[in-house]
Amino acid sequence: MNTSRRTGRTWRGAALATLLTAGALTAAAPQAQGDGAARTETAVASTHPADGVVETVVRVKVPLPQSFGARPEACDWLSYLRYRSADGPSRPADADRILVAQPGILEGAGAFDSVARDTVARAAEEGRHIEFWALDRRSNCLEDRTGIASGDEHTAVDYYYRGKQVAGRTFAGYAGNGQLGWLARLGIRQTVRDEYDLLTAELPDRTLRGRKVLCGGHSLGGVITGYFAAADFDGDPATTADAGQNQCAGYFALDTTISTSLADLSGSVPGDTNLPDVGIGYTAVQAGLDSGVLPRSLSAPVLLNPETMTLLGIAGLGAVKAPRAEADLPSYLPSNVNIEATNRFLFSKDTATFLTGSPAVKDFRLTNDAVLGALLDDNSVPLAFLQSSVGFFDGGPITDKNFPAANGTSSQPQLFGVEYKAIPADPHGPLYTWRDYDRVGAADDPGHRSADGTPFTSASKEVTDIRELARSLAEQPLDFTEQYFPTKLVTDIELAGSPQIKQLVAHPDGLTANPTLTVLAGDGLLAGRVPAGLHPVVAPGYQHLDVLTAAPVQNDGRPEVVSTSLAGFAAEPR
């Protein structure tokens, strides 16, 4: 069953044999509660405007099985951000509904900040008290946010690059592949096990979970939710009280589908080789992960790695503290191969500029919010899954950004996105500012156009407030981005046809056992390739990240569609 609701208001051995038994997901027993040490809940401070929403960070001790080997003590805890109405009940069991969200690839709990707040606030406006739990993957225990938590860009840079102590702590550096041995075991089995263990610890009453919990996610999180819905958690498929589908009253998918296939997520059809999969591929990949021959976390030499994910948070600090002040972050950062190559990739107007490095980003005068916009806006960043629609450059002449793909010529919109890219044209010139989403199309908007006459953007294409995005990046105790995404999680799902993964789908009917709300970004991953029969709510003009970050009031004056749809779905009787 697929329910789409509009209310008019507004994301592949032997060493695992002990875990791969009978298609069940063997429990990791929580530590005893002695002195309350197995759970903490801490208030989150934010500069977000008052919205009647209380945010806390919750950590629950659920140790990994010993077979995972050595890992930091922090990695035996599960964490999530809890959002609830200030006027509602303090006990989650007393809430009307609880939405539990799995993050996408390279994404952390902090990415849900805007949509979580807005969903809770919308429900409260209509007299319903719901909670939104943004889950953090266990691997995020490896992140060190001490520098960002200082609230100051320079302090953060000094902490991560110059050995400066902050709060009595010195940065230990980013973990290398040799330090991530336990991640070789952190795949889809443990990921859904973690969700189950967290739910049963926080909401022990199974009947209550089955009435009040809505399970879902963004991007890869929809596929993870599909595996959760089809899972068996006690080792006996004949007993179904523990089945994933019976932990949820419904499912929600944000620019994704509730599925066990990456092909469904991309809207493509997998090829049929007519060759049976006997699990050799899975065994080979697992051996590579165990030995370290394969990278245990998803990373690239530049652009997508722990260092650059940290830099996004640092840029967010500047845009929170002094959005209109001239930025010095590009010059204050030290020079290294990663930073230099990333800056060239993100801030080159053509191939010649990328190769020569001139002009460089530090040659332009940019405000702090213009720096953040250059890093994440859909008219600037060339990677579609990192794009949001937060406005446009202002304050000086703009030109086409024809690197890595020329405007109007890309044959890979799912990689580069659908919007024309732009870049400041005048180094050593004016101070380039940022026109926020709700000022695009205003009377003073110069309406910049590409060389071929195509407008770079319009009011209908801009949906996210850059300051909301900055707060989500800089103020959350759990990251917006993910520094150490476990490679095994995606290889497991890519090898869904192997016996080792097939047996995890103990209850395939679980995928359709509950009502489902699907909300797709109009310009997101599935744009133009929506699977037949999905019947989604479509958010026009939204990019992949916008379904999480869009402002509560849109440029047409209407309430934001994703949070409105989620609040309405939560209100439906179960």
Protein backbone atom coordinates (compact mmCIF):
# COMPACT_ATOMS: atom_id res chain seq x y z
CA MET A 1 0.00 0.00 0.00
CA ASN A 2 1.28 3.47 -0.82
CA THR A 3 -0.31 6.50 0.71
CA SER A 4 0.52 9.99 -0.57
CA ARG A 5 -1.04 12.81 1.44
CA ARG A 6 -1.11 16.54 0.88
CA THR A 7 -2.73 18.72 3.51
CA GLY A 8 -2.19 22.05 1.79
CA ARG A 9 0.29 22.97 4.51
CA THR A 10 3.11 22.80 4.34
CA TRP A 11 19.54 7.22 -0.33
CA ARG A 12 28.73 -6.68 -0.45
CA GLY A 13 33.25 -14.78 4.63
CA ALA A 14 33.76 -16.86 6.85
CA ALA A 15 34.68 -14.39 9.53
CA LEU A 16 31.01 -13.43 9.71
CA ALA A 17 29.68 -16.96 10.00
CA THR A 18 28.60 -16.49 13.60
CA LEU A 19 26.42 -13.58 12.54
CA LEU A 20 24.88 -15.25 9.48
CA THR A 21 22.78 -17.95 11.08
CA ALA A 22 19.22 -18.90 10.20
CA GLY A 23 18.65 -15.57 8.49
CA ALA A 24 18.31 -13.95 11.92
CA LEU A 25 19.99 -10.91 13.41
CA THR A 26 21.50 -12.00 16.70
CA ALA A 27 20.95 -9.47 19.47
CA ALA A 28 23.67 -7.42 21.09
CA ALA A 29 22.59 -7.31 24.72
CA PRO A 30 22.55 -3.83 26.30
CA GLN A 31 24.71 -3.24 29.34
CA ALA A 32 22.93 -3.28 32.69
CA GLN A 33 21.50 0.05 33.76
CA GLY A 34 23.76 0.54 36.76
CA ASP A 35 23.62 4.21 37.89
CA GLY A 36 21.93 5.19 34.64
CA ALA A 37 25.17 4.71 32.76
CA ALA A 38 23.52 2.91 29.86
CA ARG A 39 21.61 5.99 28.64
CA THR A 40 22.22 9.71 28.53
CA GLU A 41 20.05 12.53 27.21
CA THR A 42 21.42 16.05 26.85
CA ALA A 43 19.77 19.27 25.71
CA VAL A 44 21.01 20.75 22.42
CA ALA A 45 21.58 24.50 22.31
CA SER A 46 20.78 26.22 19.02
CA THR A 47 20.39 29.69 17.56
CA HIS A 48 17.34 28.41 15.68
CA PRO A 49 14.38 30.78 16.03
CA ALA A 50 11.87 29.76 18.69
CA ASP A 51 9.55 27.12 17.22
CA GLY A 52 8.27 25.29 20.28
CA VAL A 53 10.49 22.29 19.57
CA VAL A 54 12.82 20.74 22.16
CA GLU A 55 15.93 18.98 20.86
CA THR A 56 18.10 16.56 22.81
CA VAL A 57 20.90 14.14 21.92
CA VAL A 58 20.28 10.64 23.26
CA ARG A 59 22.99 7.97 23.65
CA VAL A 60 22.16 4.37 24.56
CA LYS A 61 24.79 1.75 25.36
CA VAL A 62 24.38 -1.27 23.05
CA PRO A 63 27.78 -2.99 22.77
CA LEU A 64 28.79 -4.64 19.53
CA PRO A 65 29.39 -8.40 19.51
CA GLN A 66 32.94 -9.34 20.49
CA SER A 67 33.50 -10.71 16.97
CA PHE A 68 33.84 -7.11 15.74
CA GLY A 69 37.16 -6.84 17.53
CA ALA A 70 38.82 -3.76 18.97
CA ARG A 71 37.06 -0.42 18.61
CA PRO A 72 36.79 2.81 20.61
CA GLU A 73 34.53 2.60 23.65
CA ALA A 74 32.29 5.27 22.14
CA CYS A 75 31.41 2.85 19.34
CA ASP A 76 29.50 0.65 21.78
CA TRP A 77 26.87 3.37 22.00
CA LEU A 78 24.00 4.24 19.66
CA SER A 79 22.98 7.87 19.26
CA TYR A 80 20.10 9.88 17.89
CA LEU A 81 18.71 13.39 17.91
CA ARG A 82 15.30 13.55 19.55
CA TYR A 83 12.88 16.32 18.58
CA ARG A 84 9.59 16.83 20.42
CA SER A 85 7.06 19.52 21.13
CA ALA A 86 7.80 21.64 24.19
CA ASP A 87 4.11 21.44 25.07
CA GLY A 88 3.93 17.69 24.60
CA PRO A 89 4.70 14.74 26.87
CA SER A 90 8.27 14.20 28.01
CA ARG A 91 8.01 10.39 27.77
CA PRO A 92 8.30 9.19 24.15
CA ALA A 93 5.81 6.39 24.86
CA ASP A 94 3.18 9.08 25.46
CA ALA A 95 3.68 10.81 22.12
CA ASP A 96 1.02 10.47 19.43
CA ARG A 97 3.57 9.22 16.88
CA ILE A 98 7.34 8.75 16.68
CA LEU A 99 9.09 9.09 13.31
CA VAL A 100 12.43 7.21 13.24
CA ALA A 101 14.70 8.21 10.36
CA GLN A 102 17.72 6.45 8.85
CA PRO A 103 20.28 8.76 7.18
CA GLY A 104 21.55 8.41 3.62
CA ILE A 105 25.05 7.75 2.39
CA LEU A 106 27.71 10.12 3.76
CA GLU A 107 25.01 11.60 5.98
CA GLY A 108 24.56 11.93 9.72
CA ALA A 109 21.69 12.66 12.07
CA GLY A 110 22.28 16.42 11.92
CA ALA A 111 21.08 16.49 8.31
CA PHE A 112 17.50 15.96 9.53
CA ASP A 113 17.46 19.06 11.72
CA SER A 114 15.19 21.27 9.61
CA VAL A 115 12.67 18.65 8.49
CA ALA A 116 12.50 17.19 12.01
CA ARG A 117 11.81 20.56 13.63
CA ASP A 118 9.28 21.59 11.01
CA THR A 119 7.41 18.27 11.15
CA VAL A 120 7.08 18.39 14.94
CA ALA A 121 6.04 22.05 14.85
CA ARG A 122 3.41 21.48 12.14
CA ALA A 123 1.85 18.61 14.05
CA ALA A 124 1.76 20.73 17.23
CA GLU A 125 -0.08 23.48 15.38
CA GLU A 126 -2.87 20.99 14.79
CA GLY A 127 -2.93 19.72 18.37
CA ARG A 128 -0.83 16.57 17.90
CA HIS A 129 2.39 15.85 19.77
CA ILE A 130 4.80 13.75 17.74
CA GLU A 131 8.50 13.02 18.03
CA PHE A 132 11.14 12.78 15.33
CA TRP A 133 14.22 10.63 16.00
CA ALA A 134 17.13 11.25 13.62
CA LEU A 135 19.39 8.19 13.86
CA ASP A 136 23.17 8.34 13.67
CA ARG A 137 25.06 5.38 12.24
CA ARG A 138 27.32 3.65 14.77
CA SER A 139 30.41 4.51 12.69
CA ASN A 140 29.89 8.19 13.47
CA CYS A 141 31.41 7.41 16.89
CA LEU A 142 34.76 7.99 15.16
CA GLU A 143 34.11 11.67 14.53
CA ASP A 144 35.67 14.42 16.62
CA ARG A 145 33.51 17.55 16.63
CA THR A 146 35.46 19.31 19.39
CA GLY A 147 36.79 22.03 17.11
CA ILE A 148 33.43 22.75 15.52
CA ALA A 149 31.73 22.68 18.91
CA SER A 150 33.92 25.63 19.93
CA GLY A 151 31.65 27.83 17.83
CA ASP A 152 34.54 29.69 16.20
CA GLU A 153 36.04 29.10 12.75
CA HIS A 154 39.62 30.04 13.65
CA THR A 155 39.57 27.92 16.81
CA ALA A 156 38.24 24.98 14.77
CA VAL A 157 40.95 25.35 12.12
CA ASP A 158 43.62 25.66 14.82
CA TYR A 159 42.28 22.51 16.52
CA TYR A 160 42.16 20.34 13.40
CA TYR A 161 45.35 21.66 11.75
CA ARG A 162 47.63 23.40 14.23
CA GLY A 163 47.54 21.19 17.33
CA LYS A 164 45.64 23.68 19.48
CA GLN A 165 43.86 22.20 22.47
CA VAL A 166 40.16 22.83 22.84
CA ALA A 167 38.31 21.87 26.02
CA GLY A 168 41.44 20.04 27.17
CA ARG A 169 41.53 17.86 24.06
CA THR A 170 44.03 17.61 21.18
CA PHE A 171 42.95 16.35 17.77
CA ALA A 172 44.30 12.83 17.17
CA GLY A 173 44.02 13.05 13.38
CA TYR A 174 41.77 11.30 10.93
CA ALA A 175 41.64 7.51 11.16
CA GLY A 176 43.36 5.52 8.41
CA ASN A 177 42.17 2.24 6.92
CA GLY A 178 44.40 0.24 9.27
CA GLN A 179 42.59 1.73 12.27
CA LEU A 180 39.14 0.78 10.99
CA GLY A 181 39.26 -3.02 11.19
CA TRP A 182 35.93 -3.27 13.04
CA LEU A 183 34.18 -1.38 10.21
CA ALA A 184 34.81 -4.41 7.98
CA ARG A 185 31.90 -6.06 9.82
CA LEU A 186 29.53 -3.10 9.92
CA GLY A 187 27.09 -3.90 7.11
CA ILE A 188 23.36 -4.05 6.59
CA ARG A 189 22.85 -6.81 9.18
CA GLN A 190 24.30 -4.81 12.05
CA THR A 191 22.76 -1.56 10.85
CA VAL A 192 19.20 -2.87 11.07
CA ARG A 193 20.06 -4.75 14.26
CA ASP A 194 21.12 -1.42 15.75
CA GLU A 195 17.78 0.17 14.88
CA TYR A 196 15.88 -2.74 16.44
CA ASP A 197 17.98 -2.70 19.61
CA LEU A 198 17.54 1.04 19.97
CA LEU A 199 13.77 0.85 19.51
CA THR A 200 13.37 -1.99 21.99
CA ALA A 201 15.55 -0.20 24.55
CA GLU A 202 13.70 3.10 24.25
CA LEU A 203 10.20 1.70 23.68
CA PRO A 204 10.06 -1.77 25.32
CA ASP A 205 6.37 -2.32 24.56
CA ARG A 206 6.21 -4.05 21.14
CA THR A 207 2.50 -3.34 20.78
CA LEU A 208 3.14 0.35 21.31
CA ARG A 209 5.91 0.33 18.71
CA GLY A 210 3.57 -1.29 16.23
CA ARG A 211 0.96 1.45 16.81
CA LYS A 212 3.08 4.57 17.15
CA VAL A 213 6.43 4.21 15.35
CA LEU A 214 6.82 5.29 11.72
CA CYS A 215 10.04 3.95 10.18
CA GLY A 216 11.79 5.64 7.25
CA GLY A 217 14.75 7.49 5.93
CA HIS A 218 16.38 9.62 3.28
CA SER A 219 18.22 8.31 0.20
CA LEU A 220 20.05 5.09 1.20
CA GLY A 221 18.02 5.29 4.41
CA GLY A 222 14.97 4.13 2.45
CA VAL A 223 16.78 0.97 1.40
CA ILE A 224 17.98 0.38 4.96
CA THR A 225 14.38 0.76 6.10
CA GLY A 226 13.38 -1.83 3.49
CA TYR A 227 15.82 -4.34 5.00
CA PHE A 228 14.56 -3.47 8.47
CA ALA A 229 10.96 -4.06 7.43
CA ALA A 230 11.84 -7.48 5.95
CA ALA A 231 14.11 -8.60 8.81
CA ASP A 232 13.68 -11.25 11.49
CA PHE A 233 15.34 -10.46 14.81
CA ASP A 234 14.99 -13.55 17.03
CA GLY A 235 16.34 -16.30 14.78
CA ASP A 236 12.94 -17.91 14.23
CA PRO A 237 11.00 -16.63 11.20
CA ALA A 238 7.94 -18.52 12.43
CA THR A 239 7.59 -16.06 15.31
CA THR A 240 6.72 -12.65 13.97
CA ALA A 241 6.35 -10.33 16.96
CA ASP A 242 10.04 -9.48 16.47
CA ALA A 243 9.77 -9.03 12.68
CA GLY A 244 10.76 -5.59 11.44
CA GLN A 245 7.39 -4.89 9.92
CA ASN A 246 5.78 -5.29 13.35
CA GLN A 247 7.95 -2.59 14.90
CA CYS A 248 6.41 0.05 12.64
CA ALA A 249 2.92 1.40 11.99
CA GLY A 250 4.02 2.85 8.65
CA TYR A 251 6.97 3.76 6.46
CA PHE A 252 8.18 7.04 4.99
CA ALA A 253 10.67 7.55 2.14
CA LEU A 254 12.36 10.91 1.47
CA ASP A 255 13.72 11.08 -2.09
CA THR A 256 14.07 7.31 -2.00
CA THR A 257 11.95 4.16 -1.94
CA ILE A 258 11.27 1.53 0.74
CA SER A 259 13.10 -1.29 -0.99
CA THR A 260 15.98 -3.76 -0.69
CA SER A 261 17.50 -2.75 -4.02
CA LEU A 262 19.86 0.06 -4.96
CA ALA A 263 18.43 -0.24 -8.48
CA ASP A 264 15.05 0.85 -7.14
CA LEU A 265 16.69 3.85 -5.49
CA SER A 266 18.27 4.98 -8.76
CA GLY A 267 15.16 4.19 -10.79
CA SER A 268 17.12 1.85 -13.06
CA VAL A 269 16.60 -1.79 -13.99
CA PRO A 270 19.43 -4.19 -13.10
CA GLY A 271 20.87 -6.34 -15.83
CA ASP A 272 20.17 -10.07 -15.83
CA THR A 273 23.27 -12.16 -16.46
CA ASN A 274 21.33 -15.44 -16.04
CA LEU A 275 24.16 -16.63 -13.80
CA PRO A 276 23.32 -17.82 -10.29
CA ASP A 277 24.94 -15.95 -7.44
CA VAL A 278 26.43 -18.54 -5.10
CA GLY A 279 27.98 -15.99 -2.78
CA ILE A 280 31.54 -16.00 -4.13
CA GLY A 281 31.41 -12.26 -4.72
CA TYR A 282 30.28 -11.62 -1.17
CA THR A 283 33.02 -13.85 0.25
CA ALA A 284 35.69 -12.14 -1.84
CA VAL A 285 34.58 -8.68 -0.84
CA GLN A 286 34.41 -9.64 2.82
CA ALA A 287 37.94 -11.05 2.64
CA GLY A 288 39.11 -7.79 1.09
CA LEU A 289 37.51 -5.76 3.85
CA ASP A 290 38.83 -8.02 6.61
CA SER A 291 42.39 -7.86 5.24
CA GLY A 292 42.28 -4.14 4.54
CA VAL A 293 42.95 -4.60 0.84
CA LEU A 294 39.61 -2.84 0.28
CA PRO A 295 38.91 0.47 2.00
CA ARG A 296 36.74 -0.04 5.06
CA SER A 297 35.16 3.38 4.80
CA LEU A 298 33.94 5.10 1.68
CA SER A 299 36.42 7.83 0.88
CA ALA A 300 38.19 9.54 -2.00
CA PRO A 301 41.63 11.19 -2.13
CA VAL A 302 39.94 14.59 -2.43
CA LEU A 303 36.49 16.09 -2.00
CA LEU A 304 34.80 13.13 -0.24
CA ASN A 305 36.78 12.21 2.86
CA PRO A 306 36.78 12.96 6.61
CA GLU A 307 38.78 16.16 6.20
CA THR A 308 36.47 17.74 3.63
CA MET A 309 33.37 16.65 5.53
CA THR A 310 34.80 18.48 8.56
CA LEU A 311 35.44 21.57 6.45
CA LEU A 312 31.72 21.80 5.64
CA GLY A 313 30.98 22.12 9.34
CA ILE A 314 33.69 24.78 9.76
CA ALA A 315 32.23 26.76 6.86
CA GLY A 316 28.85 26.49 8.55
CA LEU A 317 30.31 28.15 11.67
CA GLY A 318 31.17 31.30 9.74
CA ALA A 319 27.74 31.46 8.14
CA VAL A 320 26.09 31.17 11.58
CA LYS A 321 28.29 33.64 13.46
CA ALA A 322 28.83 36.34 10.83
CA PRO A 323 27.02 35.49 7.61
CA ARG A 324 27.56 38.84 5.87
CA ALA A 325 31.15 39.41 7.03
CA GLU A 326 33.98 38.94 4.55
CA ALA A 327 35.29 35.40 4.88
CA ASP A 328 38.93 34.62 5.61
CA LEU A 329 38.49 30.84 5.83
CA PRO A 330 40.03 30.12 2.36
CA SER A 331 43.23 31.94 3.36
CA TYR A 332 43.24 30.83 7.03
CA LEU A 333 43.18 27.16 6.13
CA PRO A 334 46.62 25.60 5.66
CA SER A 335 47.61 24.46 2.20
CA ASN A 336 47.67 20.72 1.55
CA VAL A 337 46.98 18.49 -1.43
CA ASN A 338 43.46 17.61 -0.32
CA ILE A 339 42.35 21.18 0.35
CA GLU A 340 44.00 22.52 -2.81
CA ALA A 341 42.51 19.86 -5.09
CA THR A 342 39.08 20.19 -3.48
CA ASN A 343 39.09 23.96 -3.85
CA ARG A 344 40.09 23.66 -7.49
CA PHE A 345 37.37 21.11 -8.18
CA LEU A 346 34.68 23.18 -6.52
CA PHE A 347 35.76 26.68 -7.55
CA SER A 348 37.09 26.50 -11.12
CA LYS A 349 35.17 28.05 -13.95
CA ASP A 350 36.82 25.85 -16.60
CA THR A 351 39.46 23.15 -17.13
CA ALA A 352 42.28 25.67 -17.56
CA THR A 353 41.50 27.20 -14.17
CA PHE A 354 41.43 23.75 -12.55
CA LEU A 355 44.82 22.82 -14.06
CA THR A 356 46.58 26.08 -13.22
CA GLY A 357 44.85 26.85 -9.93
CA SER A 358 44.43 30.47 -10.96
CA PRO A 359 42.35 32.29 -10.06
CA ALA A 360 41.89 30.41 -6.79
CA VAL A 361 39.03 30.74 -4.34
CA LYS A 362 41.23 32.85 -2.05
CA ASP A 363 41.56 35.40 -4.88
CA PHE A 364 37.87 36.28 -4.55
CA ARG A 365 36.24 38.35 -1.85
CA LEU A 366 33.33 36.33 -0.45
CA THR A 367 31.10 36.65 2.57
CA ASN A 368 30.84 33.67 4.93
CA ASP A 369 27.44 32.69 3.61
CA ALA A 370 28.72 32.98 0.00
CA VAL A 371 31.49 30.50 0.90
CA LEU A 372 28.91 28.06 2.23
CA GLY A 373 26.67 28.61 -0.78
CA ALA A 374 29.59 27.91 -3.12
CA LEU A 375 30.15 24.59 -1.32
CA LEU A 376 26.57 23.28 -1.35
CA ASP A 377 24.28 25.20 -3.69
CA ASP A 378 22.90 23.44 -6.77
CA ASN A 379 24.12 26.28 -9.00
CA SER A 380 27.69 25.81 -7.75
CA VAL A 381 28.66 22.35 -6.41
CA PRO A 382 28.93 19.84 -9.30
CA LEU A 383 27.86 16.69 -7.41
CA ALA A 384 24.10 16.17 -7.39
CA PHE A 385 23.86 14.30 -4.06
CA LEU A 386 25.52 17.25 -2.25
CA GLN A 387 23.27 19.91 -3.71
CA SER A 388 20.69 22.07 -2.02
CA SER A 389 18.79 25.09 -3.32
CA VAL A 390 19.89 27.90 -1.00
CA GLY A 391 19.89 30.97 -3.24
CA PHE A 392 22.51 32.52 -5.50
CA PHE A 393 25.66 34.66 -5.63
CA ASP A 394 25.17 38.43 -5.42
CA GLY A 395 27.24 41.59 -5.31
CA GLY A 396 29.18 41.33 -8.55
CA PRO A 397 29.39 39.89 -12.06
CA ILE A 398 28.75 36.15 -12.48
CA THR A 399 29.91 33.78 -15.21
CA ASP A 400 29.28 30.21 -16.30
CA LYS A 401 31.03 27.46 -14.38
CA ASN A 402 31.88 24.94 -17.09
CA PHE A 403 33.94 22.53 -15.00
CA PRO A 404 33.78 19.57 -14.62
CA ALA A 405 30.92 19.67 -17.14
CA ALA A 406 29.91 22.50 -19.42
CA ASN A 407 26.51 24.03 -18.85
CA GLY A 408 23.84 22.62 -21.10
CA THR A 409 25.95 19.68 -22.30
CA SER A 410 25.97 17.18 -19.42
CA SER A 411 24.67 13.71 -20.27
CA GLN A 412 24.87 12.66 -16.59
CA PRO A 413 22.33 14.76 -14.66
CA GLN A 414 22.22 12.16 -11.87
CA LEU A 415 25.91 12.90 -11.25
CA PHE A 416 26.18 16.62 -11.89
CA GLY A 417 22.60 17.75 -11.33
CA VAL A 418 20.20 19.51 -13.65
CA GLU A 419 20.91 23.18 -12.88
CA TYR A 420 23.34 25.43 -14.74
CA LYS A 421 26.44 26.19 -12.66
CA ALA A 422 27.75 29.69 -11.95
CA ILE A 423 30.79 31.29 -10.35
CA PRO A 424 31.95 34.83 -9.48
CA ALA A 425 33.69 36.39 -12.45
CA ASP A 426 35.88 39.09 -10.88
CA PRO A 427 38.84 38.09 -8.67
CA HIS A 428 40.29 40.83 -6.48
CA GLY A 429 37.08 42.74 -7.16
CA PRO A 430 33.85 43.37 -5.27
CA LEU A 431 32.71 41.60 -2.13
CA TYR A 432 30.48 38.78 -3.34
CA THR A 433 27.51 38.28 -1.07
CA TRP A 434 24.74 35.68 -1.01
CA ARG A 435 21.14 36.19 -2.02
CA ASP A 436 19.10 33.87 0.20
CA TYR A 437 16.37 31.64 -1.19
CA ASP A 438 13.55 34.08 -0.41
CA ARG A 439 15.22 37.03 -2.12
CA VAL A 440 15.70 35.31 -5.46
CA GLY A 441 13.34 36.95 -7.90
CA ALA A 442 12.89 40.06 -5.73
CA ALA A 443 12.77 43.50 -7.32
CA ASP A 444 16.49 44.08 -6.74
CA ASP A 445 17.55 40.68 -8.14
CA PRO A 446 19.70 41.23 -11.27
CA GLY A 447 18.51 37.87 -12.61
CA HIS A 448 21.87 36.49 -13.78
CA ARG A 449 21.85 34.44 -16.97
CA SER A 450 24.17 31.93 -18.59
CA ALA A 451 26.07 32.83 -21.76
CA ASP A 452 23.38 31.04 -23.76
CA GLY A 453 20.66 33.18 -22.17
CA THR A 454 19.35 30.58 -19.72
CA PRO A 455 18.51 32.02 -16.30
CA PHE A 456 20.69 30.39 -13.67
CA THR A 457 17.80 30.18 -11.23
CA SER A 458 14.37 31.47 -10.26
CA ALA A 459 12.28 31.81 -7.12
CA SER A 460 10.52 28.50 -7.81
CA LYS A 461 13.89 26.69 -7.77
CA GLU A 462 15.09 28.04 -4.41
CA VAL A 463 13.70 26.37 -1.28
CA THR A 464 16.32 26.23 1.53
CA ASP A 465 17.38 29.04 3.88
CA ILE A 466 21.18 29.15 3.93
CA ARG A 467 21.20 30.04 7.61
CA GLU A 468 19.09 27.02 8.46
CA LEU A 469 21.59 24.91 6.53
CA ALA A 470 24.49 26.56 8.36
CA ARG A 471 22.92 25.80 11.75
CA SER A 472 22.40 22.17 10.82
CA LEU A 473 26.06 21.89 9.77
CA ALA A 474 27.64 23.78 12.65
CA GLU A 475 25.43 23.44 15.73
CA GLN A 476 24.39 19.80 15.84
CA PRO A 477 26.24 17.49 18.25
CA LEU A 478 25.82 14.72 15.64
CA ASP A 479 27.22 15.56 12.21
CA PHE A 480 25.24 16.62 9.16
CA THR A 481 27.79 14.76 7.05
CA GLU A 482 29.40 11.37 7.66
CA GLN A 483 33.16 11.05 7.83
CA TYR A 484 33.50 7.25 8.00
CA PHE A 485 30.70 5.66 5.97
CA PRO A 486 31.21 1.86 6.23
CA THR A 487 31.97 0.41 2.81
CA LYS A 488 30.42 -2.91 3.85
CA LEU A 489 27.01 -1.32 4.15
CA VAL A 490 26.85 -0.45 0.47
CA THR A 491 28.64 -3.59 -0.79
CA ASP A 492 26.19 -5.75 1.15
CA ILE A 493 23.28 -4.07 -0.60
CA GLU A 494 25.00 -4.19 -4.00
CA LEU A 495 25.36 -7.96 -3.46
CA ALA A 496 21.72 -8.43 -2.52
CA GLY A 497 21.49 -11.54 -4.71
CA SER A 498 24.10 -13.43 -2.69
CA PRO A 499 22.86 -16.10 -0.25
CA GLN A 500 24.47 -14.25 2.64
CA ILE A 501 22.30 -11.18 2.05
CA LYS A 502 19.22 -12.93 0.68
CA GLN A 503 18.73 -14.69 3.99
CA LEU A 504 18.35 -11.34 5.72
CA VAL A 505 15.08 -10.81 3.88
CA ALA A 506 13.17 -13.24 6.07
CA HIS A 507 9.81 -11.51 5.62
CA PRO A 508 9.69 -9.98 2.11
CA ASP A 509 6.03 -9.11 2.60
CA GLY A 510 7.21 -6.68 5.26
CA LEU A 511 8.00 -4.15 2.54
CA THR A 512 4.30 -3.66 1.83
CA ALA A 513 2.84 -4.63 5.21
CA ASN A 514 2.30 -1.02 6.32
CA PRO A 515 1.16 2.22 4.68
CA THR A 516 3.95 4.14 3.00
CA LEU A 517 4.43 7.84 2.35
CA THR A 518 6.92 8.62 -0.43
CA VAL A 519 8.05 12.21 -0.95
CA LEU A 520 10.37 12.86 -3.90
CA ALA A 521 12.46 15.90 -4.79
CA GLY A 522 11.29 17.28 -8.13
CA ASP A 523 14.92 17.57 -9.29
CA GLY A 524 16.29 14.75 -7.09
CA LEU A 525 17.60 11.22 -7.56
CA LEU A 526 14.45 9.82 -9.14
CA ALA A 527 13.50 12.82 -11.26
CA GLY A 528 12.16 11.50 -14.55
CA ARG A 529 12.60 7.87 -13.45
CA VAL A 530 9.89 7.31 -10.85
CA PRO A 531 9.14 3.58 -10.52
CA ALA A 532 5.69 2.61 -11.76
CA GLY A 533 3.01 2.49 -9.09
CA LEU A 534 4.89 4.61 -6.58
CA HIS A 535 2.41 7.53 -6.54
CA PRO A 536 4.63 9.90 -4.58
CA VAL A 537 4.18 13.41 -3.31
CA VAL A 538 6.57 15.48 -5.45
CA ALA A 539 8.26 18.62 -4.08
CA PRO A 540 8.77 20.88 -7.14
CA GLY A 541 12.20 22.46 -7.54
CA TYR A 542 13.71 20.48 -4.67
CA GLN A 543 17.16 18.88 -4.91
CA HIS A 544 18.17 15.66 -3.11
CA LEU A 545 19.15 17.42 0.14
CA ASP A 546 16.29 19.91 0.05
CA VAL A 547 13.81 17.30 1.27
CA LEU A 548 15.71 17.57 4.59
CA THR A 549 16.65 21.24 4.63
CA ALA A 550 13.84 23.24 2.97
CA ALA A 551 12.57 26.31 4.80
CA PRO A 552 9.22 26.09 6.62
CA VAL A 553 7.66 28.76 4.41
CA GLN A 554 8.34 28.64 0.69
CA ASN A 555 8.63 31.39 -1.91
CA ASP A 556 5.02 30.89 -2.98
CA GLY A 557 3.92 31.57 0.60
CA ARG A 558 2.88 27.98 1.23
CA PRO A 559 4.13 25.77 4.05
CA GLU A 560 6.95 23.39 3.15
CA VAL A 561 5.64 20.21 1.49
CA VAL A 562 7.86 17.50 3.05
CA SER A 563 7.22 18.36 6.69
CA THR A 564 3.57 19.02 5.93
CA SER A 565 3.21 15.60 4.31
CA LEU A 566 5.02 13.87 7.19
CA ALA A 567 2.88 15.59 9.81
CA GLY A 568 -0.26 14.63 7.88
CA PHE A 569 0.91 11.03 7.49
CA ALA A 570 1.60 10.86 11.23
CA ALA A 571 -1.95 12.03 11.92
CA GLU A 572 -3.60 9.23 9.96
CA PRO A 573 -5.29 6.58 12.12
CA ARG A 574 -3.44 3.25 12.49
